[in-house]
Amino acid sequence: MVQSHDQRRFLMEPQAAAALQKLQQAAAADGITVDICSAHRSFERQRQIWNAKASGQRPLLDVHSKPIMHIETLSDQELLQTLLLWSALPGTSRHHWGTDIDLFDSQALTRDKLQLINDEYQPGGPCHTMHQWLDQHAAIFGFYRPFQAALSGTSAELWHYSYYPIANEMLRAYDVRQLAAILIQQEISLKPAILEQLAELVRYYVQTVAPVPDAAQITR
């Protein structure tokens, strides 16, 4: 269990939570605020998000993080691939593991204003200074960004960090057959299209991630 600056509580794997607290303390010593937007997310919560986006109840974004209008004109395959740009299929999200977190600078903008788009973390964005600090120091504490351009199936997410000492164990133990058995029993939008290509979706969106950095080569 970890607590954000606005007193919200988030569930995390214990070792990951302890490492994050050390990272936050080191960042604070350098005048940087690192706060949590999201941590552990249940299968059911991910299913709700997935279904809401598939039905148009929540915004669906294109590759440039722009809202897509008239999603009813998309085929099932087109809708599936569009969803997977920014949303994990339930059962494939690393947030299920308790090792992965979404981070932002709560001194630069409030959680309510946060959109979780890459522009917020790039030059000129409110979280850019924090992002630069994390790029230099996160690996010392066991964290890195698994979703990076040209290195992962999932689109680059500058806010998403993973505690790799535990997350790598979760990844090695991942079983697509167990996932298939779970999904068959669930009410999930686009289920036929998902099950037809599930092994490939897992290979691309779960198993294809950026390599873990060599923290020993990174110094403060």
C-alpha atoms as a PDB file:
ATOM      1  CA  MET A   1       0.000   0.000   0.000  1.00  0.00           C
ATOM      2  CA  VAL A   2       1.339   3.429  -0.960  1.00  0.00           C
ATOM      3  CA  GLN A   3      -0.134   6.889  -0.494  1.00  0.00           C
ATOM      4  CA  SER A   4      -0.135   9.786  -2.929  1.00  0.00           C
ATOM      5  CA  HIS A   5       0.390  13.431  -2.049  1.00  0.00           C
ATOM      6  CA  ASP A   6      -3.382  13.987  -2.025  1.00  0.00           C
ATOM      7  CA  GLN A   7      -3.793  11.150   0.493  1.00  0.00           C
ATOM      8  CA  ARG A   8      -5.192   8.616  -1.985  1.00  0.00           C
ATOM      9  CA  ARG A   9      -4.056   5.062  -1.392  1.00  0.00           C
ATOM     10  CA  PHE A  10      -2.844   2.647  -4.061  1.00  0.00           C
ATOM     11  CA  LEU A  11      -2.154  -1.063  -3.940  1.00  0.00           C
ATOM     12  CA  MET A  12       1.294  -2.269  -5.018  1.00  0.00           C
ATOM     13  CA  GLU A  13       3.428  -5.372  -4.637  1.00  0.00           C
ATOM     14  CA  PRO A  14       5.323  -4.830  -1.312  1.00  0.00           C
ATOM     15  CA  GLN A  15       8.857  -4.761  -2.759  1.00  0.00           C
ATOM     16  CA  ALA A  16       7.746  -2.426  -5.544  1.00  0.00           C
ATOM     17  CA  ALA A  17       6.040  -0.120  -3.021  1.00  0.00           C
ATOM     18  CA  ALA A  18       9.173   0.049  -0.848  1.00  0.00           C
ATOM     19  CA  ALA A  19      11.351   0.798  -3.879  1.00  0.00           C
ATOM     20  CA  LEU A  20       8.966   3.522  -5.032  1.00  0.00           C
ATOM     21  CA  GLN A  21       9.099   5.252  -1.661  1.00  0.00           C
ATOM     22  CA  LYS A  22      12.902   5.337  -1.872  1.00  0.00           C
ATOM     23  CA  LEU A  23      12.680   6.737  -5.396  1.00  0.00           C
ATOM     24  CA  GLN A  24      10.254   9.449  -4.270  1.00  0.00           C
ATOM     25  CA  GLN A  25      12.525  10.421  -1.382  1.00  0.00           C
ATOM     26  CA  ALA A  26      15.540  10.715  -3.688  1.00  0.00           C
ATOM     27  CA  ALA A  27      13.524  12.772  -6.174  1.00  0.00           C
ATOM     28  CA  ALA A  28      12.278  15.074  -3.404  1.00  0.00           C
ATOM     29  CA  ALA A  29      15.875  15.675  -2.324  1.00  0.00           C
ATOM     30  CA  ASP A  30      16.505  16.946  -5.852  1.00  0.00           C
ATOM     31  CA  GLY A  31      13.395  19.126  -5.764  1.00  0.00           C
ATOM     32  CA  ILE A  32      11.330  16.770  -7.927  1.00  0.00           C
ATOM     33  CA  THR A  33       7.814  15.580  -7.071  1.00  0.00           C
ATOM     34  CA  VAL A  34       6.939  12.063  -8.245  1.00  0.00           C
ATOM     35  CA  ASP A  35       3.347  11.066  -7.541  1.00  0.00           C
ATOM     36  CA  ILE A  36       1.117   8.128  -8.431  1.00  0.00           C
ATOM     37  CA  CYS A  37      -1.809   8.341 -10.787  1.00  0.00           C
ATOM     38  CA  SER A  38      -2.498   4.608 -11.013  1.00  0.00           C
ATOM     39  CA  ALA A  39      -1.029   1.424  -9.545  1.00  0.00           C
ATOM     40  CA  HIS A  40      -2.652  -2.004  -9.205  1.00  0.00           C
ATOM     41  CA  ARG A  41      -5.735  -2.405 -11.386  1.00  0.00           C
ATOM     42  CA  SER A  42      -7.996  -5.431 -11.121  1.00  0.00           C
ATOM     43  CA  PHE A  43      -9.145  -7.566 -14.036  1.00  0.00           C
ATOM     44  CA  GLU A  44     -12.698  -6.344 -13.458  1.00  0.00           C
ATOM     45  CA  ARG A  45     -11.666  -2.680 -13.545  1.00  0.00           C
ATOM     46  CA  GLN A  46      -9.703  -3.262 -16.751  1.00  0.00           C
ATOM     47  CA  ARG A  47     -12.730  -5.047 -18.247  1.00  0.00           C
ATOM     48  CA  GLN A  48     -14.928  -2.044 -17.437  1.00  0.00           C
ATOM     49  CA  ILE A  49     -12.468   0.355 -19.081  1.00  0.00           C
ATOM     50  CA  TRP A  50     -12.155  -1.873 -22.157  1.00  0.00           C
ATOM     51  CA  ASN A  51     -15.896  -2.269 -22.631  1.00  0.00           C
ATOM     52  CA  ALA A  52     -16.558   1.436 -22.064  1.00  0.00           C
ATOM     53  CA  LYS A  53     -14.045   2.429 -24.748  1.00  0.00           C
ATOM     54  CA  ALA A  54     -15.305  -0.219 -27.168  1.00  0.00           C
ATOM     55  CA  SER A  55     -18.854   1.090 -26.793  1.00  0.00           C
ATOM     56  CA  GLY A  56     -17.941   4.771 -27.039  1.00  0.00           C
ATOM     57  CA  GLN A  57     -18.781   5.539 -23.401  1.00  0.00           C
ATOM     58  CA  ARG A  58     -15.162   6.610 -22.854  1.00  0.00           C
ATOM     59  CA  PRO A  59     -12.941   8.450 -25.370  1.00  0.00           C
ATOM     60  CA  LEU A  60     -11.077   6.296 -27.858  1.00  0.00           C
ATOM     61  CA  LEU A  61      -7.773   7.830 -29.004  1.00  0.00           C
ATOM     62  CA  ASP A  62      -5.807   7.396 -32.204  1.00  0.00           C
ATOM     63  CA  VAL A  63      -2.046   6.955 -32.478  1.00  0.00           C
ATOM     64  CA  HIS A  64      -1.603  10.725 -32.002  1.00  0.00           C
ATOM     65  CA  SER A  65      -3.721  10.706 -28.799  1.00  0.00           C
ATOM     66  CA  LYS A  66      -6.575  12.457 -30.583  1.00  0.00           C
ATOM     67  CA  PRO A  67     -10.207  11.381 -30.006  1.00  0.00           C
ATOM     68  CA  ILE A  68     -11.728   9.192 -32.703  1.00  0.00           C
ATOM     69  CA  MET A  69     -15.234  10.116 -33.752  1.00  0.00           C
ATOM     70  CA  HIS A  70     -17.850   7.734 -35.157  1.00  0.00           C
ATOM     71  CA  ILE A  71     -16.272   4.518 -33.902  1.00  0.00           C
ATOM     72  CA  GLU A  72     -19.341   2.695 -35.191  1.00  0.00           C
ATOM     73  CA  THR A  73     -17.814   2.914 -38.680  1.00  0.00           C
ATOM     74  CA  LEU A  74     -14.841   0.750 -37.611  1.00  0.00           C
ATOM     75  CA  SER A  75     -14.796  -2.980 -38.265  1.00  0.00           C
ATOM     76  CA  ASP A  76     -14.273  -5.281 -35.282  1.00  0.00           C
ATOM     77  CA  GLN A  77     -10.639  -5.751 -36.277  1.00  0.00           C
ATOM     78  CA  GLU A  78     -10.091  -2.012 -36.707  1.00  0.00           C
ATOM     79  CA  LEU A  79     -11.734  -1.291 -33.369  1.00  0.00           C
ATOM     80  CA  LEU A  80      -9.650  -3.959 -31.651  1.00  0.00           C
ATOM     81  CA  GLN A  81      -6.372  -2.593 -32.996  1.00  0.00           C
ATOM     82  CA  THR A  82      -7.388   0.960 -32.093  1.00  0.00           C
ATOM     83  CA  LEU A  83      -8.265  -0.043 -28.545  1.00  0.00           C
ATOM     84  CA  LEU A  84      -4.924  -1.777 -28.145  1.00  0.00           C
ATOM     85  CA  LEU A  85      -3.027   1.418 -28.962  1.00  0.00           C
ATOM     86  CA  TRP A  86      -3.623   2.788 -25.458  1.00  0.00           C
ATOM     87  CA  SER A  87      -5.634   0.171 -23.542  1.00  0.00           C
ATOM     88  CA  ALA A  88      -4.587  -3.294 -22.430  1.00  0.00           C
ATOM     89  CA  LEU A  89      -6.859  -6.232 -22.997  1.00  0.00           C
ATOM     90  CA  PRO A  90      -8.190  -7.402 -19.592  1.00  0.00           C
ATOM     91  CA  GLY A  91      -5.812 -10.034 -18.279  1.00  0.00           C
ATOM     92  CA  THR A  92      -2.831  -8.592 -20.160  1.00  0.00           C
ATOM     93  CA  SER A  93      -2.320  -5.336 -18.261  1.00  0.00           C
ATOM     94  CA  ARG A  94       0.905  -5.151 -16.261  1.00  0.00           C
ATOM     95  CA  HIS A  95      -1.099  -3.133 -13.746  1.00  0.00           C
ATOM     96  CA  HIS A  96      -2.670  -6.436 -12.657  1.00  0.00           C
ATOM     97  CA  TRP A  97       0.687  -7.497 -11.218  1.00  0.00           C
ATOM     98  CA  GLY A  98       1.082  -4.698  -8.669  1.00  0.00           C
ATOM     99  CA  THR A  99       4.511  -3.908 -10.116  1.00  0.00           C
ATOM    100  CA  ASP A 100       3.529  -1.189 -12.562  1.00  0.00           C
ATOM    101  CA  ILE A 101       2.548   2.411 -11.920  1.00  0.00           C
ATOM    102  CA  ASP A 102       1.608   5.570 -13.779  1.00  0.00           C
ATOM    103  CA  LEU A 103       3.515   8.595 -12.474  1.00  0.00           C
ATOM    104  CA  PHE A 104       3.065  12.351 -12.749  1.00  0.00           C
ATOM    105  CA  ASP A 105       4.225  15.605 -11.162  1.00  0.00           C
ATOM    106  CA  SER A 106       1.422  16.642  -8.800  1.00  0.00           C
ATOM    107  CA  GLN A 107       3.136  19.988  -8.163  1.00  0.00           C
ATOM    108  CA  ALA A 108       2.857  20.857 -11.853  1.00  0.00           C
ATOM    109  CA  LEU A 109      -0.789  19.865 -12.392  1.00  0.00           C
ATOM    110  CA  THR A 110      -3.618  18.237 -10.496  1.00  0.00           C
ATOM    111  CA  ARG A 111      -4.726  14.672 -11.040  1.00  0.00           C
ATOM    112  CA  ASP A 112      -8.025  15.956 -12.444  1.00  0.00           C
ATOM    113  CA  LYS A 113      -6.183  17.903 -15.130  1.00  0.00           C
ATOM    114  CA  LEU A 114      -3.865  15.017 -16.031  1.00  0.00           C
ATOM    115  CA  GLN A 115      -4.686  13.395 -19.391  1.00  0.00           C
ATOM    116  CA  LEU A 116      -1.913  10.769 -19.450  1.00  0.00           C
ATOM    117  CA  ILE A 117      -0.698  11.644 -22.925  1.00  0.00           C
ATOM    118  CA  ASN A 118       2.928  11.832 -24.003  1.00  0.00           C
ATOM    119  CA  ASP A 119       2.775  15.587 -24.670  1.00  0.00           C
ATOM    120  CA  GLU A 120       2.508  16.160 -20.913  1.00  0.00           C
ATOM    121  CA  TYR A 121       5.929  14.509 -20.428  1.00  0.00           C
ATOM    122  CA  GLN A 122       7.767  15.985 -23.390  1.00  0.00           C
ATOM    123  CA  PRO A 123       9.515  19.405 -23.573  1.00  0.00           C
ATOM    124  CA  GLY A 124       7.048  22.115 -22.586  1.00  0.00           C
ATOM    125  CA  GLY A 125       4.780  19.664 -20.796  1.00  0.00           C
ATOM    126  CA  PRO A 126       4.044  19.915 -17.042  1.00  0.00           C
ATOM    127  CA  CYS A 127       5.698  16.571 -16.242  1.00  0.00           C
ATOM    128  CA  HIS A 128       8.791  16.998 -18.418  1.00  0.00           C
ATOM    129  CA  THR A 129      11.203  17.849 -15.588  1.00  0.00           C
ATOM    130  CA  MET A 130      10.035  14.818 -13.618  1.00  0.00           C
ATOM    131  CA  HIS A 131      10.339  12.661 -16.741  1.00  0.00           C
ATOM    132  CA  GLN A 132      13.939  13.784 -17.266  1.00  0.00           C
ATOM    133  CA  TRP A 133      14.804  12.956 -13.651  1.00  0.00           C
ATOM    134  CA  LEU A 134      13.240   9.515 -13.924  1.00  0.00           C
ATOM    135  CA  ASP A 135      15.076   8.804 -17.167  1.00  0.00           C
ATOM    136  CA  GLN A 136      18.349   9.357 -15.331  1.00  0.00           C
ATOM    137  CA  HIS A 137      17.561   7.734 -11.979  1.00  0.00           C
ATOM    138  CA  ALA A 138      14.585   5.350 -12.069  1.00  0.00           C
ATOM    139  CA  ALA A 139      16.675   2.277 -12.900  1.00  0.00           C
ATOM    140  CA  ILE A 140      18.734   2.714  -9.727  1.00  0.00           C
ATOM    141  CA  PHE A 141      15.577   1.885  -7.776  1.00  0.00           C
ATOM    142  CA  GLY A 142      14.499  -0.977 -10.044  1.00  0.00           C
ATOM    143  CA  PHE A 143      12.053   0.923 -12.269  1.00  0.00           C
ATOM    144  CA  TYR A 144      12.026   1.393 -16.027  1.00  0.00           C
ATOM    145  CA  ARG A 145       9.595   2.110 -18.888  1.00  0.00           C
ATOM    146  CA  PRO A 146       8.525  -1.156 -20.578  1.00  0.00           C
ATOM    147  CA  PHE A 147       6.588   0.659 -23.299  1.00  0.00           C
ATOM    148  CA  GLN A 148       8.988   2.533 -25.566  1.00  0.00           C
ATOM    149  CA  ALA A 149       8.830   3.511 -29.229  1.00  0.00           C
ATOM    150  CA  ALA A 150      10.114   0.774 -31.586  1.00  0.00           C
ATOM    151  CA  LEU A 151      10.879  -1.500 -28.604  1.00  0.00           C
ATOM    152  CA  SER A 152       7.421  -2.618 -27.445  1.00  0.00           C
ATOM    153  CA  GLY A 153       4.160  -3.747 -28.949  1.00  0.00           C
ATOM    154  CA  THR A 154       2.258  -1.285 -26.801  1.00  0.00           C
ATOM    155  CA  SER A 155       2.628   2.364 -27.804  1.00  0.00           C
ATOM    156  CA  ALA A 156       5.225   4.396 -25.923  1.00  0.00           C
ATOM    157  CA  GLU A 157       3.869   5.581 -22.562  1.00  0.00           C
ATOM    158  CA  LEU A 158       6.158   8.106 -20.889  1.00  0.00           C
ATOM    159  CA  TRP A 159       4.220   7.872 -17.626  1.00  0.00           C
ATOM    160  CA  HIS A 160       4.273   4.077 -17.171  1.00  0.00           C
ATOM    161  CA  TYR A 161       7.006   2.572 -14.994  1.00  0.00           C
ATOM    162  CA  SER A 162       7.559  -1.039 -13.999  1.00  0.00           C
ATOM    163  CA  TYR A 163       9.437  -2.523 -11.042  1.00  0.00           C
ATOM    164  CA  TYR A 164      11.387  -4.985 -13.129  1.00  0.00           C
ATOM    165  CA  PRO A 165      12.841  -7.309 -10.411  1.00  0.00           C
ATOM    166  CA  ILE A 166       9.307  -8.638  -9.802  1.00  0.00           C
ATOM    167  CA  ALA A 167       7.646  -7.787 -13.126  1.00  0.00           C
ATOM    168  CA  ASN A 168      10.146  -9.928 -15.040  1.00  0.00           C
ATOM    169  CA  GLU A 169       9.187 -12.914 -12.904  1.00  0.00           C
ATOM    170  CA  MET A 170       5.521 -12.259 -13.683  1.00  0.00           C
ATOM    171  CA  LEU A 171       6.308 -12.042 -17.379  1.00  0.00           C
ATOM    172  CA  ARG A 172       8.186 -15.339 -17.418  1.00  0.00           C
ATOM    173  CA  ALA A 173       5.262 -17.071 -15.653  1.00  0.00           C
ATOM    174  CA  TYR A 174       2.612 -15.643 -18.005  1.00  0.00           C
ATOM    175  CA  ASP A 175       0.341 -18.379 -19.441  1.00  0.00           C
ATOM    176  CA  VAL A 176      -1.789 -17.559 -22.488  1.00  0.00           C
ATOM    177  CA  ARG A 177      -3.836 -20.745 -21.992  1.00  0.00           C
ATOM    178  CA  GLN A 178      -4.990 -19.622 -18.562  1.00  0.00           C
ATOM    179  CA  LEU A 179      -5.900 -16.231 -19.996  1.00  0.00           C
ATOM    180  CA  ALA A 180      -7.972 -17.859 -22.744  1.00  0.00           C
ATOM    181  CA  ALA A 181      -9.875 -19.925 -20.176  1.00  0.00           C
ATOM    182  CA  ILE A 182     -10.680 -16.764 -18.201  1.00  0.00           C
ATOM    183  CA  LEU A 183     -11.709 -14.652 -21.192  1.00  0.00           C
ATOM    184  CA  ILE A 184     -14.116 -17.311 -22.472  1.00  0.00           C
ATOM    185  CA  GLN A 185     -16.145 -16.891 -19.265  1.00  0.00           C
ATOM    186  CA  GLN A 186     -16.202 -13.085 -19.333  1.00  0.00           C
ATOM    187  CA  GLU A 187     -18.426 -10.478 -20.987  1.00  0.00           C
ATOM    188  CA  ILE A 188     -15.823  -8.616 -23.014  1.00  0.00           C
ATOM    189  CA  SER A 189     -16.364  -6.546 -26.129  1.00  0.00           C
ATOM    190  CA  LEU A 190     -14.880  -8.041 -29.303  1.00  0.00           C
ATOM    191  CA  LYS A 191     -14.401 -11.442 -27.638  1.00  0.00           C
ATOM    192  CA  PRO A 192     -14.569 -13.519 -30.866  1.00  0.00           C
ATOM    193  CA  ALA A 193     -11.899 -11.385 -32.542  1.00  0.00           C
ATOM    194  CA  ILE A 194      -9.764 -11.494 -29.390  1.00  0.00           C
ATOM    195  CA  LEU A 195      -9.900 -15.266 -28.922  1.00  0.00           C
ATOM    196  CA  GLU A 196      -9.174 -15.895 -32.596  1.00  0.00           C
ATOM    197  CA  GLN A 197      -5.773 -14.196 -32.320  1.00  0.00           C
ATOM    198  CA  LEU A 198      -5.076 -14.292 -28.587  1.00  0.00           C
ATOM    199  CA  ALA A 199      -1.655 -15.970 -28.797  1.00  0.00           C
ATOM    200  CA  GLU A 200      -0.439 -13.315 -31.229  1.00  0.00           C
ATOM    201  CA  LEU A 201      -1.901 -10.487 -29.141  1.00  0.00           C
ATOM    202  CA  VAL A 202      -0.092 -11.772 -26.051  1.00  0.00           C
ATOM    203  CA  ARG A 203       3.170 -12.163 -27.939  1.00  0.00           C
ATOM    204  CA  TYR A 204       2.992  -8.617 -29.262  1.00  0.00           C
ATOM    205  CA  TYR A 205       1.367  -6.642 -26.454  1.00  0.00           C
ATOM    206  CA  VAL A 206       2.548  -8.560 -23.362  1.00  0.00           C
ATOM    207  CA  GLN A 207       5.823 -10.228 -24.230  1.00  0.00           C
ATOM    208  CA  THR A 208       7.267  -7.570 -26.559  1.00  0.00           C
ATOM    209  CA  VAL A 209       8.585  -4.909 -24.187  1.00  0.00           C
ATOM    210  CA  ALA A 210      11.674  -2.738 -23.975  1.00  0.00           C
ATOM    211  CA  PRO A 211      14.735  -4.485 -22.512  1.00  0.00           C
ATOM    212  CA  VAL A 212      15.536  -3.898 -18.875  1.00  0.00           C
ATOM    213  CA  PRO A 213      18.331  -1.301 -18.446  1.00  0.00           C
ATOM    214  CA  ASP A 214      21.625  -2.045 -16.775  1.00  0.00           C
ATOM    215  CA  ALA A 215      21.144  -0.067 -13.567  1.00  0.00           C
ATOM    216  CA  ALA A 216      24.783  -0.593 -12.633  1.00  0.00           C
ATOM    217  CA  GLN A 217      25.805   1.709 -15.471  1.00  0.00           C
ATOM    218  CA  ILE A 218      23.533   4.520 -14.294  1.00  0.00           C
ATOM    219  CA  THR A 219      24.823   6.883 -11.630  1.00  0.00           C
ATOM    220  CA  ARG A 220      23.379   9.910  -9.874  1.00  0.00           C
END
